Amino acid sequence: MAGLTTVLVLSRLRKLLLSNWKEIALVCVVIAICLWGWLHYRADQQRQEDLSDAREQITYLQGEVRKWQGHYRAVSSIRDFETARDRQALTDERRSCAARVAEARRQRDVIREIVTREVPVDANNCPVRGIITADELRNATGG
């Protein structure tokens, strides 16, 4: 009995479809156009949202770049200052070292002069002790 009912329903549906096929085709076309329009509208909305998100991301990243550039400039400035300070300290140390070396050489020459000075001898050809004056000693020791 159920099979017969199904056959009758399908038969009536077939007759209905065959008799109203133009109206059904028109409804299908209208539904397709509406569906296409809705999909196009939805895709356009999605593009607009994506574009808005991309613009926000660009703005955020530009801010990050500005921050990074500020930090870089600050670090570069500090590095330049420290480099100049270190170079100056090195130059000062070289000058100080050169001055100490020059003073040591001068003291060496004075001591050499004192040590290699010809020793005076007396009538018996015996060496006579000589006195090194306080000025000579101060001059030799840099004091």
C-alpha atoms as a PDB file:
ATOM      1  CA  MET A   1       0.000   0.000   0.000  1.00  0.00           C
ATOM      2  CA  ALA A   2       2.873   2.382   0.843  1.00  0.00           C
ATOM      3  CA  GLY A   3       4.469   1.705  -2.516  1.00  0.00           C
ATOM      4  CA  LEU A   4       1.302   2.561  -4.359  1.00  0.00           C
ATOM      5  CA  THR A   5       0.910   5.825  -2.447  1.00  0.00           C
ATOM      6  CA  THR A   6       4.476   6.818  -3.295  1.00  0.00           C
ATOM      7  CA  VAL A   7       3.885   6.072  -6.968  1.00  0.00           C
ATOM      8  CA  LEU A   8       0.731   8.178  -6.999  1.00  0.00           C
ATOM      9  CA  VAL A   9       2.485  11.112  -5.267  1.00  0.00           C
ATOM     10  CA  LEU A  10       5.383  10.967  -7.723  1.00  0.00           C
ATOM     11  CA  SER A  11       3.023  10.722 -10.660  1.00  0.00           C
ATOM     12  CA  ARG A  12       1.079  13.825  -9.566  1.00  0.00           C
ATOM     13  CA  LEU A  13       4.328  15.670  -8.892  1.00  0.00           C
ATOM     14  CA  ARG A  14       5.515  14.789 -12.401  1.00  0.00           C
ATOM     15  CA  LYS A  15       2.340  16.103 -13.953  1.00  0.00           C
ATOM     16  CA  LEU A  16       2.609  19.283 -11.894  1.00  0.00           C
ATOM     17  CA  LEU A  17       6.215  19.814 -12.920  1.00  0.00           C
ATOM     18  CA  LEU A  18       5.518  19.189 -16.584  1.00  0.00           C
ATOM     19  CA  SER A  19       2.556  21.520 -16.650  1.00  0.00           C
ATOM     20  CA  ASN A  20       4.310  24.393 -14.761  1.00  0.00           C
ATOM     21  CA  TRP A  21       7.885  24.013 -15.990  1.00  0.00           C
ATOM     22  CA  LYS A  22       8.152  27.643 -17.152  1.00  0.00           C
ATOM     23  CA  GLU A  23       7.159  29.030 -13.786  1.00  0.00           C
ATOM     24  CA  ILE A  24       9.489  26.601 -12.001  1.00  0.00           C
ATOM     25  CA  ALA A  25      12.398  27.587 -14.304  1.00  0.00           C
ATOM     26  CA  LEU A  26      11.669  31.251 -13.629  1.00  0.00           C
ATOM     27  CA  VAL A  27      11.676  30.651  -9.855  1.00  0.00           C
ATOM     28  CA  CYS A  28      14.971  28.741 -10.164  1.00  0.00           C
ATOM     29  CA  VAL A  29      16.512  31.625 -12.128  1.00  0.00           C
ATOM     30  CA  VAL A  30      15.296  34.149  -9.546  1.00  0.00           C
ATOM     31  CA  ILE A  31      16.681  32.007  -6.715  1.00  0.00           C
ATOM     32  CA  ALA A  32      20.014  31.653  -8.550  1.00  0.00           C
ATOM     33  CA  ILE A  33      20.228  35.421  -9.101  1.00  0.00           C
ATOM     34  CA  CYS A  34      19.416  36.095  -5.447  1.00  0.00           C
ATOM     35  CA  LEU A  35      21.953  33.524  -4.318  1.00  0.00           C
ATOM     36  CA  TRP A  36      24.617  34.992  -6.633  1.00  0.00           C
ATOM     37  CA  GLY A  37      23.859  38.518  -5.380  1.00  0.00           C
ATOM     38  CA  TRP A  38      24.002  37.427  -1.758  1.00  0.00           C
ATOM     39  CA  LEU A  39      27.326  35.592  -2.305  1.00  0.00           C
ATOM     40  CA  HIS A  40      28.749  38.605  -4.143  1.00  0.00           C
ATOM     41  CA  TYR A  41      27.612  40.928  -1.330  1.00  0.00           C
ATOM     42  CA  ARG A  42      29.089  38.596   1.303  1.00  0.00           C
ATOM     43  CA  ALA A  43      32.400  38.353  -0.588  1.00  0.00           C
ATOM     44  CA  ASP A  44      32.518  42.157  -0.859  1.00  0.00           C
ATOM     45  CA  GLN A  45      31.879  42.457   2.897  1.00  0.00           C
ATOM     46  CA  GLN A  46      34.698  39.982   3.571  1.00  0.00           C
ATOM     47  CA  ARG A  47      37.052  41.962   1.308  1.00  0.00           C
ATOM     48  CA  GLN A  48      36.163  45.155   3.142  1.00  0.00           C
ATOM     49  CA  GLU A  49      36.804  43.503   6.514  1.00  0.00           C
ATOM     50  CA  ASP A  50      40.125  42.084   5.269  1.00  0.00           C
ATOM     51  CA  LEU A  51      41.115  45.496   3.918  1.00  0.00           C
ATOM     52  CA  SER A  52      40.223  47.156   7.222  1.00  0.00           C
ATOM     53  CA  ASP A  53      42.235  44.531   9.149  1.00  0.00           C
ATOM     54  CA  ALA A  54      45.189  45.017   6.800  1.00  0.00           C
ATOM     55  CA  ARG A  55      45.074  48.792   7.266  1.00  0.00           C
ATOM     56  CA  GLU A  56      44.990  48.388  11.058  1.00  0.00           C
ATOM     57  CA  GLN A  57      47.952  46.008  10.871  1.00  0.00           C
ATOM     58  CA  ILE A  58      49.882  48.454   8.666  1.00  0.00           C
ATOM     59  CA  THR A  59      49.196  51.297  11.116  1.00  0.00           C
ATOM     60  CA  TYR A  60      50.318  49.137  14.042  1.00  0.00           C
ATOM     61  CA  LEU A  61      53.488  48.038  12.243  1.00  0.00           C
ATOM     62  CA  GLN A  62      54.309  51.617  11.250  1.00  0.00           C
ATOM     63  CA  GLY A  63      54.091  52.554  14.940  1.00  0.00           C
ATOM     64  CA  GLU A  64      56.389  49.658  15.815  1.00  0.00           C
ATOM     65  CA  VAL A  65      58.863  50.781  13.147  1.00  0.00           C
ATOM     66  CA  ARG A  66      58.851  54.319  14.576  1.00  0.00           C
ATOM     67  CA  LYS A  67      59.508  52.927  18.072  1.00  0.00           C
ATOM     68  CA  TRP A  68      62.306  50.718  16.744  1.00  0.00           C
ATOM     69  CA  GLN A  69      63.859  53.643  14.887  1.00  0.00           C
ATOM     70  CA  GLY A  70      63.731  55.762  18.059  1.00  0.00           C
ATOM     71  CA  HIS A  71      65.430  53.023  20.068  1.00  0.00           C
ATOM     72  CA  TYR A  72      67.998  52.548  17.313  1.00  0.00           C
ATOM     73  CA  ARG A  73      68.783  56.271  17.233  1.00  0.00           C
ATOM     74  CA  ALA A  74      69.122  56.361  21.022  1.00  0.00           C
ATOM     75  CA  VAL A  75      71.409  53.328  21.053  1.00  0.00           C
ATOM     76  CA  SER A  76      73.452  54.734  18.163  1.00  0.00           C
ATOM     77  CA  SER A  77      73.838  58.025  19.988  1.00  0.00           C
ATOM     78  CA  ILE A  78      74.969  56.261  23.154  1.00  0.00           C
ATOM     79  CA  ARG A  79      77.336  54.053  21.150  1.00  0.00           C
ATOM     80  CA  ASP A  80      78.821  57.085  19.383  1.00  0.00           C
ATOM     81  CA  PHE A  81      79.282  58.877  22.720  1.00  0.00           C
ATOM     82  CA  GLU A  82      80.930  55.825  24.292  1.00  0.00           C
ATOM     83  CA  THR A  83      83.176  55.335  21.258  1.00  0.00           C
ATOM     84  CA  ALA A  84      84.302  58.974  21.374  1.00  0.00           C
ATOM     85  CA  ARG A  85      84.853  58.742  25.145  1.00  0.00           C
ATOM     86  CA  ASP A  86      86.865  55.520  24.763  1.00  0.00           C
ATOM     87  CA  ARG A  87      88.963  57.010  21.959  1.00  0.00           C
ATOM     88  CA  GLN A  88      89.675  60.072  24.077  1.00  0.00           C
ATOM     89  CA  ALA A  89      90.632  57.869  27.043  1.00  0.00           C
ATOM     90  CA  LEU A  90      92.939  55.853  24.797  1.00  0.00           C
ATOM     91  CA  THR A  91      94.540  59.022  23.422  1.00  0.00           C
ATOM     92  CA  ASP A  92      95.010  60.385  26.953  1.00  0.00           C
ATOM     93  CA  GLU A  93      96.526  57.104  28.101  1.00  0.00           C
ATOM     94  CA  ARG A  94      98.915  57.080  25.137  1.00  0.00           C
ATOM     95  CA  ARG A  95     100.016  60.619  25.946  1.00  0.00           C
ATOM     96  CA  SER A  96     100.459  59.742  29.613  1.00  0.00           C
ATOM     97  CA  CYS A  97     102.440  56.631  28.737  1.00  0.00           C
ATOM     98  CA  ALA A  98     104.610  58.562  26.279  1.00  0.00           C
ATOM     99  CA  ALA A  99     105.268  61.196  28.956  1.00  0.00           C
ATOM    100  CA  ARG A 100     106.240  58.508  31.501  1.00  0.00           C
ATOM    101  CA  VAL A 101     108.538  56.847  28.966  1.00  0.00           C
ATOM    102  CA  ALA A 102     110.153  60.193  28.113  1.00  0.00           C
ATOM    103  CA  GLU A 103     110.685  60.918  31.847  1.00  0.00           C
ATOM    104  CA  ALA A 104     112.175  57.450  32.399  1.00  0.00           C
ATOM    105  CA  ARG A 105     114.562  57.969  29.473  1.00  0.00           C
ATOM    106  CA  ARG A 106     115.610  61.339  30.841  1.00  0.00           C
ATOM    107  CA  GLN A 107     116.249  59.810  34.279  1.00  0.00           C
ATOM    108  CA  ARG A 108     118.179  56.992  32.634  1.00  0.00           C
ATOM    109  CA  ASP A 109     120.408  59.469  30.845  1.00  0.00           C
ATOM    110  CA  VAL A 110     121.078  61.455  34.040  1.00  0.00           C
ATOM    111  CA  ILE A 111     121.890  58.282  35.996  1.00  0.00           C
ATOM    112  CA  ARG A 112     124.098  57.065  33.169  1.00  0.00           C
ATOM    113  CA  GLU A 113     125.923  60.386  33.213  1.00  0.00           C
ATOM    114  CA  ILE A 114     126.457  60.120  36.986  1.00  0.00           C
ATOM    115  CA  VAL A 115     127.576  56.501  36.810  1.00  0.00           C
ATOM    116  CA  THR A 116     129.902  56.914  33.827  1.00  0.00           C
ATOM    117  CA  ARG A 117     131.385  60.180  35.018  1.00  0.00           C
ATOM    118  CA  GLU A 118     135.160  60.057  35.094  1.00  0.00           C
ATOM    119  CA  VAL A 119     136.356  59.374  38.599  1.00  0.00           C
ATOM    120  CA  PRO A 120     138.869  61.973  39.850  1.00  0.00           C
ATOM    121  CA  VAL A 121     142.185  60.625  41.127  1.00  0.00           C
ATOM    122  CA  ASP A 122     144.589  62.100  43.671  1.00  0.00           C
ATOM    123  CA  ALA A 123     148.391  62.576  43.377  1.00  0.00           C
ATOM    124  CA  ASN A 124     148.988  58.884  44.071  1.00  0.00           C
ATOM    125  CA  ASN A 125     146.648  57.941  41.260  1.00  0.00           C
ATOM    126  CA  CYS A 126     144.028  56.706  43.754  1.00  0.00           C
ATOM    127  CA  PRO A 127     140.345  57.395  43.072  1.00  0.00           C
ATOM    128  CA  VAL A 128     138.826  60.140  45.139  1.00  0.00           C
ATOM    129  CA  ARG A 129     135.320  59.789  46.341  1.00  0.00           C
ATOM    130  CA  GLY A 130     133.063  62.314  44.856  1.00  0.00           C
ATOM    131  CA  ILE A 131     129.852  63.568  46.329  1.00  0.00           C
ATOM    132  CA  ILE A 132     126.651  63.491  44.348  1.00  0.00           C
ATOM    133  CA  THR A 133     124.821  66.654  45.190  1.00  0.00           C
ATOM    134  CA  ALA A 134     121.197  66.683  46.251  1.00  0.00           C
ATOM    135  CA  ASP A 135     120.233  68.521  43.049  1.00  0.00           C
ATOM    136  CA  GLU A 136     121.859  65.861  40.905  1.00  0.00           C
ATOM    137  CA  LEU A 137     120.110  63.120  42.893  1.00  0.00           C
ATOM    138  CA  ARG A 138     116.708  64.876  42.594  1.00  0.00           C
ATOM    139  CA  ASN A 139     117.289  65.382  38.893  1.00  0.00           C
ATOM    140  CA  ALA A 140     118.215  61.713  38.441  1.00  0.00           C
ATOM    141  CA  THR A 141     115.203  60.350  40.351  1.00  0.00           C
ATOM    142  CA  GLY A 142     112.696  62.853  39.040  1.00  0.00           C
ATOM    143  CA  GLY A 143     111.947  64.080  42.524  1.00  0.00           C
END
